[in-house]
Each structure stands twice: as C-alpha cells, then as structure tokens.
PDB file of all heavy atoms in Angstrom:
ATOM      1  N   ALA A   1     156.207 -21.554 -98.360  1.00  0.00           N
ATOM      2  CA  ALA A   1     157.499 -20.858 -98.310  1.00  0.00           C
ATOM      3  C   ALA A   1     158.116 -20.732 -99.694  1.00  0.00           C
ATOM      4  O   ALA A   1     158.756 -19.715-100.002  1.00  0.00           O
ATOM      5  CB  ALA A   1     158.461 -21.655 -97.400  1.00  0.00           C
ATOM      6  N   ARG A   2     157.889 -21.738-100.559  1.00  0.00           N
ATOM      7  CA  ARG A   2     158.418 -21.697-101.909  1.00  0.00           C
ATOM      8  C   ARG A   2     157.821 -20.575-102.748  1.00  0.00           C
ATOM      9  O   ARG A   2     158.437 -20.009-103.656  1.00  0.00           O
ATOM     10  CB  ARG A   2     158.208 -23.037-102.606  1.00  0.00           C
ATOM     11  CG  ARG A   2     159.130 -23.296-103.778  1.00  0.00           C
ATOM     12  CD  ARG A   2     158.767 -24.628-104.409  1.00  0.00           C
ATOM     13  NE  ARG A   2     158.899 -25.738-103.491  1.00  0.00           N
ATOM     14  CZ  ARG A   2     160.029 -26.346-103.261  1.00  0.00           C
ATOM     15  NH1 ARG A   2     161.111 -26.013-103.935  1.00  0.00           N
ATOM     16  NH2 ARG A   2     160.069 -27.376-102.389  1.00  0.00           N
ATOM     17  N   SER A   3     156.555 -20.213-102.441  1.00  0.00           N
ATOM     18  CA  SER A   3     155.871 -19.178-103.181  1.00  0.00           C
ATOM     19  C   SER A   3     156.096 -17.794-102.648  1.00  0.00           C
ATOM     20  O   SER A   3     155.667 -16.793-103.239  1.00  0.00           O
ATOM     21  CB  SER A   3     154.347 -19.449-103.185  1.00  0.00           C
ATOM     22  OG  SER A   3     153.835 -19.389-101.851  1.00  0.00           O
ATOM     23  N   SER A   4     156.807 -17.675-101.511  1.00  0.00           N
ATOM     24  CA  SER A   4     157.060 -16.344-100.940  1.00  0.00           C
ATOM     25  C   SER A   4     158.190 -15.616-101.666  1.00  0.00           C
ATOM     26  O   SER A   4     159.064 -16.283-102.259  1.00  0.00           O
ATOM     27  CB  SER A   4     157.420 -16.496 -99.451  1.00  0.00           C
ATOM     28  OG  SER A   4     158.694 -17.147 -99.294  1.00  0.00           O
ATOM     29  N   PRO A   5     158.237 -14.323-101.601  1.00  0.00           N
ATOM     30  CA  PRO A   5     159.298 -13.542-102.287  1.00  0.00           C
ATOM     31  C   PRO A   5     160.685 -13.893-101.798  1.00  0.00           C
ATOM     32  O   PRO A   5     161.637 -13.829-102.583  1.00  0.00           O
ATOM     33  CB  PRO A   5     158.922 -12.100-101.989  1.00  0.00           C
ATOM     34  CG  PRO A   5     157.492 -12.100-101.690  1.00  0.00           C
ATOM     35  CD  PRO A   5     157.211 -13.406-101.008  1.00  0.00           C
ATOM     36  N   ILE A   6     160.820 -14.296-100.541  1.00  0.00           N
ATOM     37  CA  ILE A   6     162.133 -14.577 -99.993  1.00  0.00           C
ATOM     38  C   ILE A   6     162.743 -15.845-100.588  1.00  0.00           C
ATOM     39  O   ILE A   6     163.968 -16.082-100.468  1.00  0.00           O
ATOM     40  CB  ILE A   6     162.068 -14.670 -98.442  1.00  0.00           C
ATOM     41  CG1 ILE A   6     163.468 -14.475 -97.836  1.00  0.00           C
ATOM     42  CG2 ILE A   6     161.460 -15.998 -98.025  1.00  0.00           C
ATOM     43  CD1 ILE A   6     163.455 -14.367 -96.326  1.00  0.00           C
ATOM     44  N   TRP A   7     161.896 -16.668-101.221  1.00  0.00           N
ATOM     45  CA  TRP A   7     162.374 -17.945-101.775  1.00  0.00           C
ATOM     46  C   TRP A   7     163.464 -17.722-102.814  1.00  0.00           C
ATOM     47  O   TRP A   7     164.397 -18.546-102.918  1.00  0.00           O
ATOM     48  CB  TRP A   7     161.226 -18.712-102.373  1.00  0.00           C
ATOM     49  CG  TRP A   7     161.664 -19.839-103.271  1.00  0.00           C
ATOM     50  CD1 TRP A   7     161.661 -19.892-104.634  1.00  0.00           C
ATOM     51  CD2 TRP A   7     162.252 -21.075-102.876  1.00  0.00           C
ATOM     52  NE1 TRP A   7     162.151 -21.084-105.103  1.00  0.00           N
ATOM     53  CE2 TRP A   7     162.523 -21.837-104.011  1.00  0.00           C
ATOM     54  CE3 TRP A   7     162.523 -21.643-101.596  1.00  0.00           C
ATOM     55  CZ2 TRP A   7     163.087 -23.093-103.945  1.00  0.00           C
ATOM     56  CZ3 TRP A   7     163.112 -22.892-101.557  1.00  0.00           C
ATOM     57  CH2 TRP A   7     163.372 -23.605-102.714  1.00  0.00           C
ATOM     58  N   ARG A   8     163.410 -16.637-103.543  1.00  0.00           N
ATOM     59  CA  ARG A   8     164.401 -16.455-104.601  1.00  0.00           C
ATOM     60  C   ARG A   8     165.831 -16.346-104.073  1.00  0.00           C
ATOM     61  O   ARG A   8     166.799 -16.507-104.841  1.00  0.00           O
ATOM     62  CB  ARG A   8     164.062 -15.202-105.433  1.00  0.00           C
ATOM     63  CG  ARG A   8     164.159 -13.905-104.688  1.00  0.00           C
ATOM     64  CD  ARG A   8     163.823 -12.726-105.635  1.00  0.00           C
ATOM     65  NE  ARG A   8     163.863 -11.433-104.933  1.00  0.00           N
ATOM     66  CZ  ARG A   8     162.840 -10.873-104.332  1.00  0.00           C
ATOM     67  NH1 ARG A   8     161.653 -11.496-104.353  1.00  0.00           N
ATOM     68  NH2 ARG A   8     162.939  -9.713-103.718  1.00  0.00           N
ATOM     69  N   PHE A   9     165.955 -16.100-102.725  1.00  0.00           N
ATOM     70  CA  PHE A   9     167.306 -16.054-102.169  1.00  0.00           C
ATOM     71  C   PHE A   9     167.741 -17.422-101.557  1.00  0.00           C
ATOM     72  O   PHE A   9     168.909 -17.591-101.238  1.00  0.00           O
ATOM     73  CB  PHE A   9     167.395 -14.999-101.070  1.00  0.00           C
ATOM     74  CG  PHE A   9     167.079 -13.609-101.566  1.00  0.00           C
ATOM     75  CD1 PHE A   9     165.880 -13.010-101.299  1.00  0.00           C
ATOM     76  CD2 PHE A   9     168.003 -12.905-102.314  1.00  0.00           C
ATOM     77  CE1 PHE A   9     165.564 -11.728-101.752  1.00  0.00           C
ATOM     78  CE2 PHE A   9     167.740 -11.648-102.807  1.00  0.00           C
ATOM     79  CZ  PHE A   9     166.534 -11.064-102.536  1.00  0.00           C
ATOM     80  N   ARG A  10     166.804 -18.322-101.388  1.00  0.00           N
ATOM     81  CA  ARG A  10     167.119 -19.569-100.698  1.00  0.00           C
ATOM     82  C   ARG A  10     168.098 -20.453-101.464  1.00  0.00           C
ATOM     83  O   ARG A  10     168.953 -21.045-100.843  1.00  0.00           O
ATOM     84  CB  ARG A  10     165.811 -20.344-100.435  1.00  0.00           C
ATOM     85  CG  ARG A  10     164.880 -19.671 -99.463  1.00  0.00           C
ATOM     86  CD  ARG A  10     165.468 -19.566 -98.076  1.00  0.00           C
ATOM     87  NE  ARG A  10     165.656 -20.853 -97.489  1.00  0.00           N
ATOM     88  CZ  ARG A  10     164.739 -21.512 -96.744  1.00  0.00           C
ATOM     89  NH1 ARG A  10     163.574 -20.964 -96.589  1.00  0.00           N
ATOM     90  NH2 ARG A  10     165.004 -22.682 -96.240  1.00  0.00           N
ATOM     91  N   PRO A  11     168.001 -20.594-102.803  1.00  0.00           N
ATOM     92  CA  PRO A  11     168.944 -21.489-103.502  1.00  0.00           C
ATOM     93  C   PRO A  11     170.374 -20.939-103.568  1.00  0.00           C
ATOM     94  O   PRO A  11     171.260 -21.667-104.046  1.00  0.00           O
ATOM     95  CB  PRO A  11     168.351 -21.601-104.890  1.00  0.00           C
ATOM     96  CG  PRO A  11     166.905 -21.168-104.788  1.00  0.00           C
ATOM     97  CD  PRO A  11     166.929 -20.145-103.710  1.00  0.00           C
ATOM     98  N   THR A  12     170.620 -19.698-103.187  1.00  0.00           N
ATOM     99  CA  THR A  12     171.927 -19.112-103.282  1.00  0.00           C
ATOM    100  C   THR A  12     173.039 -19.950-102.636  1.00  0.00           C
ATOM    101  O   THR A  12     174.101 -20.213-103.254  1.00  0.00           O
ATOM    102  CB  THR A  12     171.929 -17.676-102.735  1.00  0.00           C
ATOM    103  OG1 THR A  12     170.971 -16.903-103.447  1.00  0.00           O
ATOM    104  CG2 THR A  12     173.278 -17.042-102.890  1.00  0.00           C
ATOM    105  N   PRO A  13     172.861 -20.384-101.388  1.00  0.00           N
ATOM    106  CA  PRO A  13     173.924 -21.195-100.747  1.00  0.00           C
ATOM    107  C   PRO A  13     174.218 -22.502-101.500  1.00  0.00           C
ATOM    108  O   PRO A  13     175.340 -23.019-101.383  1.00  0.00           O
ATOM    109  CB  PRO A  13     173.377 -21.488 -99.352  1.00  0.00           C
ATOM    110  CG  PRO A  13     172.344 -20.455 -99.094  1.00  0.00           C
ATOM    111  CD  PRO A  13     171.752 -20.159-100.435  1.00  0.00           C
ATOM    112  N   LEU A  14     173.265 -22.957-102.269  1.00  0.00           N
ATOM    113  CA  LEU A  14     173.466 -24.201-103.011  1.00  0.00           C
ATOM    114  C   LEU A  14     174.623 -24.095-103.975  1.00  0.00           C
ATOM    115  O   LEU A  14     175.365 -25.078-104.222  1.00  0.00           O
ATOM    116  CB  LEU A  14     172.179 -24.564-103.765  1.00  0.00           C
ATOM    117  CG  LEU A  14     172.102 -25.850-104.533  1.00  0.00           C
ATOM    118  CD1 LEU A  14     172.244 -27.059-103.613  1.00  0.00           C
ATOM    119  CD2 LEU A  14     170.852 -25.982-105.334  1.00  0.00           C
ATOM    120  N   PHE A  15     174.803 -22.922-104.541  1.00  0.00           N
ATOM    121  CA  PHE A  15     175.861 -22.725-105.557  1.00  0.00           C
ATOM    122  C   PHE A  15     177.070 -21.939-104.984  1.00  0.00           C
ATOM    123  O   PHE A  15     178.094 -21.878-105.650  1.00  0.00           O
ATOM    124  CB  PHE A  15     175.266 -21.955-106.743  1.00  0.00           C
ATOM    125  CG  PHE A  15     174.115 -22.638-107.406  1.00  0.00           C
ATOM    126  CD1 PHE A  15     172.818 -22.229-107.135  1.00  0.00           C
ATOM    127  CD2 PHE A  15     174.304 -23.704-108.225  1.00  0.00           C
ATOM    128  CE1 PHE A  15     171.712 -22.844-107.709  1.00  0.00           C
ATOM    129  CE2 PHE A  15     173.226 -24.364-108.832  1.00  0.00           C
ATOM    130  CZ  PHE A  15     171.904 -23.946-108.544  1.00  0.00           C
ATOM    131  N   VAL A  16     176.931 -21.378-103.808  1.00  0.00           N
ATOM    132  CA  VAL A  16     178.021 -20.587-103.221  1.00  0.00           C
ATOM    133  C   VAL A  16     178.823 -21.404-102.246  1.00  0.00           C
ATOM    134  O   VAL A  16     180.071 -21.404-102.282  1.00  0.00           O
ATOM    135  CB  VAL A  16     177.481 -19.331-102.560  1.00  0.00           C
ATOM    136  CG1 VAL A  16     178.589 -18.571-101.826  1.00  0.00           C
ATOM    137  CG2 VAL A  16     176.800 -18.418-103.563  1.00  0.00           C
ATOM    138  N   ALA A  17     178.127 -22.163-101.359  1.00  0.00           N
ATOM    139  CA  ALA A  17     178.847 -22.861-100.276  1.00  0.00           C
ATOM    140  C   ALA A  17     179.822 -23.951-100.805  1.00  0.00           C
ATOM    141  O   ALA A  17     180.950 -23.983-100.333  1.00  0.00           O
ATOM    142  CB  ALA A  17     177.837 -23.481 -99.271  1.00  0.00           C
ATOM    143  N   PRO A  18     179.415 -24.836-101.728  1.00  0.00           N
ATOM    144  CA  PRO A  18     180.372 -25.884-102.161  1.00  0.00           C
ATOM    145  C   PRO A  18     181.648 -25.317-102.747  1.00  0.00           C
ATOM    146  O   PRO A  18     182.725 -25.842-102.424  1.00  0.00           O
ATOM    147  CB  PRO A  18     179.548 -26.688-103.204  1.00  0.00           C
ATOM    148  CG  PRO A  18     178.101 -26.513-102.738  1.00  0.00           C
ATOM    149  CD  PRO A  18     178.058 -25.096-102.261  1.00  0.00           C
ATOM    150  N   PRO A  19     181.612 -24.339-103.670  1.00  0.00           N
ATOM    151  CA  PRO A  19     182.891 -23.797-104.164  1.00  0.00           C
ATOM    152  C   PRO A  19     183.753 -23.215-103.075  1.00  0.00           C
ATOM    153  O   PRO A  19     184.982 -23.346-103.115  1.00  0.00           O
ATOM    154  CB  PRO A  19     182.435 -22.709-105.173  1.00  0.00           C
ATOM    155  CG  PRO A  19     181.054 -23.150-105.581  1.00  0.00           C
ATOM    156  CD  PRO A  19     180.461 -23.721-104.366  1.00  0.00           C
ATOM    157  N   ILE A  20     183.148 -22.522-102.110  1.00  0.00           N
ATOM    158  CA  ILE A  20     183.923 -21.930-101.044  1.00  0.00           C
ATOM    159  C   ILE A  20     184.582 -23.025-100.198  1.00  0.00           C
ATOM    160  O   ILE A  20     185.742 -22.977 -99.868  1.00  0.00           O
ATOM    161  CB  ILE A  20     183.020 -21.047-100.114  1.00  0.00           C
ATOM    162  CG1 ILE A  20     182.595 -19.808-100.891  1.00  0.00           C
ATOM    163  CG2 ILE A  20     183.762 -20.642 -98.833  1.00  0.00           C
ATOM    164  CD1 ILE A  20     181.611 -18.882-100.083  1.00  0.00           C
ATOM    165  N   LEU A  21     183.828 -24.085 -99.919  1.00  0.00           N
ATOM    166  CA  LEU A  21     184.354 -25.205 -99.171  1.00  0.00           C
ATOM    167  C   LEU A  21     185.455 -25.888 -99.916  1.00  0.00           C
ATOM    168  O   LEU A  21     186.486 -26.274 -99.335  1.00  0.00           O
ATOM    169  CB  LEU A  21     183.235 -26.184 -98.858  1.00  0.00           C
ATOM    170  CG  LEU A  21     183.536 -27.320 -97.864  1.00  0.00           C
ATOM    171  CD1 LEU A  21     183.960 -26.730 -96.518  1.00  0.00           C
ATOM    172  CD2 LEU A  21     182.346 -28.214 -97.670  1.00  0.00           C
ATOM    173  N   ALA A  22     185.301 -26.048-101.239  1.00  0.00           N
ATOM    174  CA  ALA A  22     186.332 -26.674-102.044  1.00  0.00           C
ATOM    175  C   ALA A  22     187.601 -25.777-102.091  1.00  0.00           C
ATOM    176  O   ALA A  22     188.738 -26.321-102.031  1.00  0.00           O
ATOM    177  CB  ALA A  22     185.785 -26.930-103.475  1.00  0.00           C
ATOM    178  N   ALA A  23     187.402 -24.496-102.188  1.00  0.00           N
ATOM    179  CA  ALA A  23     188.538 -23.563-102.219  1.00  0.00           C
ATOM    180  C   ALA A  23     189.368 -23.604-100.915  1.00  0.00           C
ATOM    181  O   ALA A  23     190.575 -23.566-100.932  1.00  0.00           O
ATOM    182  CB  ALA A  23     188.056 -22.155-102.508  1.00  0.00           C
ATOM    183  N   THR A  24     188.664 -23.714 -99.773  1.00  0.00           N
ATOM    184  CA  THR A  24     189.390 -23.797 -98.517  1.00  0.00           C
ATOM    185  C   THR A  24     190.015 -25.179 -98.318  1.00  0.00           C
ATOM    186  O   THR A  24     191.007 -25.285 -97.577  1.00  0.00           O
ATOM    187  CB  THR A  24     188.444 -23.479 -97.336  1.00  0.00           C
ATOM    188  OG1 THR A  24     187.317 -24.419 -97.408  1.00  0.00           O
ATOM    189  CG2 THR A  24     187.911 -22.077 -97.416  1.00  0.00           C
ATOM    190  N   SER A  25     189.453 -26.202 -98.984  1.00  0.00           N
ATOM    191  CA  SER A  25     189.982 -27.552 -98.792  1.00  0.00           C
ATOM    192  C   SER A  25     191.329 -27.747 -99.461  1.00  0.00           C
ATOM    193  O   SER A  25     192.117 -28.639 -99.049  1.00  0.00           O
ATOM    194  CB  SER A  25     189.004 -28.595 -99.338  1.00  0.00           C
ATOM    195  OG  SER A  25     187.760 -28.555 -98.651  1.00  0.00           O
ATOM    196  N   ILE A  26     191.643 -26.952-100.480  1.00  0.00           N
ATOM    197  CA  ILE A  26     192.916 -27.195-101.183  1.00  0.00           C
ATOM    198  C   ILE A  26     194.143 -26.917-100.332  1.00  0.00           C
ATOM    199  O   ILE A  26     195.221 -27.371-100.641  1.00  0.00           O
ATOM    200  CB  ILE A  26     193.005 -26.318-102.458  1.00  0.00           C
ATOM    201  CG1 ILE A  26     193.003 -24.818-102.126  1.00  0.00           C
ATOM    202  CG2 ILE A  26     191.814 -26.649-103.421  1.00  0.00           C
ATOM    203  CD1 ILE A  26     193.187 -23.948-103.339  1.00  0.00           C
ATOM    204  N   ALA A  27     193.967 -26.176 -99.246  1.00  0.00           N
ATOM    205  CA  ALA A  27     195.113 -25.891 -98.368  1.00  0.00           C
ATOM    206  C   ALA A  27     195.139 -26.847 -97.154  1.00  0.00           C
ATOM    207  O   ALA A  27     196.065 -26.763 -96.347  1.00  0.00           O
ATOM    208  CB  ALA A  27     195.041 -24.423 -97.836  1.00  0.00           C
ATOM    209  N   MET A  28     194.161 -27.695 -97.055  1.00  0.00           N
ATOM    210  CA  MET A  28     194.084 -28.635 -95.862  1.00  0.00           C
ATOM    211  C   MET A  28     194.971 -29.823 -96.122  1.00  0.00           C
ATOM    212  O   MET A  28     195.026 -30.371 -97.199  1.00  0.00           O
ATOM    213  CB  MET A  28     192.646 -29.075 -95.639  1.00  0.00           C
ATOM    214  CG  MET A  28     191.719 -28.018 -95.177  1.00  0.00           C
ATOM    215  SD  MET A  28     190.090 -28.667 -94.834  1.00  0.00           S
ATOM    216  CE  MET A  28     189.189 -27.162 -94.511  1.00  0.00           C
ATOM    217  N   PRO A  29     195.657 -30.299 -95.076  1.00  0.00           N
ATOM    218  CA  PRO A  29     196.433 -31.527 -95.169  1.00  0.00           C
ATOM    219  C   PRO A  29     195.515 -32.728 -95.509  1.00  0.00           C
ATOM    220  O   PRO A  29     194.335 -32.718 -95.151  1.00  0.00           O
ATOM    221  CB  PRO A  29     197.072 -31.682 -93.802  1.00  0.00           C
ATOM    222  CG  PRO A  29     197.015 -30.323 -93.201  1.00  0.00           C
ATOM    223  CD  PRO A  29     195.822 -29.644 -93.759  1.00  0.00           C
ATOM    224  N   VAL A  30     196.092 -33.725 -96.139  1.00  0.00           N
ATOM    225  CA  VAL A  30     195.299 -34.926 -96.549  1.00  0.00           C
ATOM    226  C   VAL A  30     194.649 -35.577 -95.349  1.00  0.00           C
ATOM    227  O   VAL A  30     193.535 -36.073 -95.415  1.00  0.00           O
ATOM    228  CB  VAL A  30     196.227 -35.892 -97.293  1.00  0.00           C
ATOM    229  CG1 VAL A  30     195.570 -37.289 -97.418  1.00  0.00           C
ATOM    230  CG2 VAL A  30     196.551 -35.373 -98.678  1.00  0.00           C
ATOM    231  N   GLY A  31     195.334 -35.636 -94.195  1.00  0.00           N
ATOM    232  CA  GLY A  31     194.753 -36.253 -93.036  1.00  0.00           C
ATOM    233  C   GLY A  31     193.436 -35.575 -92.635  1.00  0.00           C
ATOM    234  O   GLY A  31     192.473 -36.270 -92.281  1.00  0.00           O
ATOM    235  N   LEU A  32     193.420 -34.237 -92.703  1.00  0.00           N
ATOM    236  CA  LEU A  32     192.168 -33.541 -92.347  1.00  0.00           C
ATOM    237  C   LEU A  32     191.118 -33.716 -93.460  1.00  0.00           C
ATOM    238  O   LEU A  32     189.944 -33.789 -93.177  1.00  0.00           O
ATOM    239  CB  LEU A  32     192.464 -32.031 -92.208  1.00  0.00           C
ATOM    240  CG  LEU A  32     193.174 -31.581 -90.905  1.00  0.00           C
ATOM    241  CD1 LEU A  32     193.369 -30.101 -90.909  1.00  0.00           C
ATOM    242  CD2 LEU A  32     192.355 -31.995 -89.714  1.00  0.00           C
ATOM    243  N   LEU A  33     191.568 -33.776 -94.751  1.00  0.00           N
ATOM    244  CA  LEU A  33     190.624 -34.009 -95.825  1.00  0.00           C
ATOM    245  C   LEU A  33     189.915 -35.371 -95.705  1.00  0.00           C
ATOM    246  O   LEU A  33     188.706 -35.464 -96.003  1.00  0.00           O
ATOM    247  CB  LEU A  33     191.350 -33.917 -97.143  1.00  0.00           C
ATOM    248  CG  LEU A  33     191.711 -32.539 -97.640  1.00  0.00           C
ATOM    249  CD1 LEU A  33     192.357 -32.638 -99.050  1.00  0.00           C
ATOM    250  CD2 LEU A  33     190.496 -31.637 -97.730  1.00  0.00           C
ATOM    251  N   PHE A  34     190.612 -36.367 -95.213  1.00  0.00           N
ATOM    252  CA  PHE A  34     189.990 -37.658 -94.999  1.00  0.00           C
ATOM    253  C   PHE A  34     188.866 -37.521 -93.954  1.00  0.00           C
ATOM    254  O   PHE A  34     187.751 -38.024 -94.135  1.00  0.00           O
ATOM    255  CB  PHE A  34     190.974 -38.710 -94.524  1.00  0.00           C
ATOM    256  CG  PHE A  34     191.533 -39.568 -95.627  1.00  0.00           C
ATOM    257  CD1 PHE A  34     192.793 -39.373 -96.111  1.00  0.00           C
ATOM    258  CD2 PHE A  34     190.713 -40.553 -96.179  1.00  0.00           C
ATOM    259  CE1 PHE A  34     193.254 -40.173 -97.165  1.00  0.00           C
ATOM    260  CE2 PHE A  34     191.203 -41.355 -97.194  1.00  0.00           C
ATOM    261  CZ  PHE A  34     192.459 -41.173 -97.705  1.00  0.00           C
ATOM    262  N   TYR A  35     189.181 -36.841 -92.870  1.00  0.00           N
ATOM    263  CA  TYR A  35     188.181 -36.623 -91.820  1.00  0.00           C
ATOM    264  C   TYR A  35     187.007 -35.807 -92.353  1.00  0.00           C
ATOM    265  O   TYR A  35     185.833 -36.187 -92.128  1.00  0.00           O
ATOM    266  CB  TYR A  35     188.813 -35.932 -90.627  1.00  0.00           C
ATOM    267  CG  TYR A  35     187.914 -35.705 -89.469  1.00  0.00           C
ATOM    268  CD1 TYR A  35     187.749 -36.695 -88.481  1.00  0.00           C
ATOM    269  CD2 TYR A  35     187.142 -34.526 -89.337  1.00  0.00           C
ATOM    270  CE1 TYR A  35     186.887 -36.483 -87.411  1.00  0.00           C
ATOM    271  CE2 TYR A  35     186.257 -34.354 -88.297  1.00  0.00           C
ATOM    272  CZ  TYR A  35     186.158 -35.322 -87.335  1.00  0.00           C
ATOM    273  OH  TYR A  35     185.282 -35.131 -86.281  1.00  0.00           O
ATOM    274  N   LEU A  36     187.285 -34.705 -93.045  1.00  0.00           N
ATOM    275  CA  LEU A  36     186.223 -33.851 -93.523  1.00  0.00           C
ATOM    276  C   LEU A  36     185.424 -34.550 -94.629  1.00  0.00           C
ATOM    277  O   LEU A  36     184.182 -34.374 -94.700  1.00  0.00           O
ATOM    278  CB  LEU A  36     186.845 -32.547 -94.127  1.00  0.00           C
ATOM    279  CG  LEU A  36     185.853 -31.416 -94.468  1.00  0.00           C
ATOM    280  CD1 LEU A  36     184.966 -31.064 -93.302  1.00  0.00           C
ATOM    281  CD2 LEU A  36     186.617 -30.209 -94.981  1.00  0.00           C
ATOM    282  N   GLY A  37     186.072 -35.326 -95.473  1.00  0.00           N
ATOM    283  CA  GLY A  37     185.344 -36.094 -96.491  1.00  0.00           C
ATOM    284  C   GLY A  37     184.403 -37.082 -95.872  1.00  0.00           C
ATOM    285  O   GLY A  37     183.221 -37.222 -96.275  1.00  0.00           O
ATOM    286  N   ALA A  38     184.894 -37.857 -94.885  1.00  0.00           N
ATOM    287  CA  ALA A  38     184.021 -38.839 -94.205  1.00  0.00           C
ATOM    288  C   ALA A  38     182.872 -38.098 -93.518  1.00  0.00           C
ATOM    289  O   ALA A  38     181.734 -38.614 -93.490  1.00  0.00           O
ATOM    290  CB  ALA A  38     184.838 -39.649 -93.232  1.00  0.00           C
TER     291      ALA A  38
END
C-alpha cells in the first residue's frame, strides 16, 4: 500500500486534522475540553 500511487494522499490527514480539531476546541467550554482531552 505504501508503494501505491494513492499513498501520497494518505499522510494528508496527519497535518490537517489536528489543526482543525485545535481550532474547534478554542470555542469549547473547559468542562468539555477535559472530557475531549481524556
């Protein structure tokens, strides 16, 4: 799978998902952040 052409798109979520999740977290109440962090 790593040698297939589609592999070049696989690492994309690695760098996209965490910033999106962090951006949405800044509006969450602390109580929810504790739950989401755990």
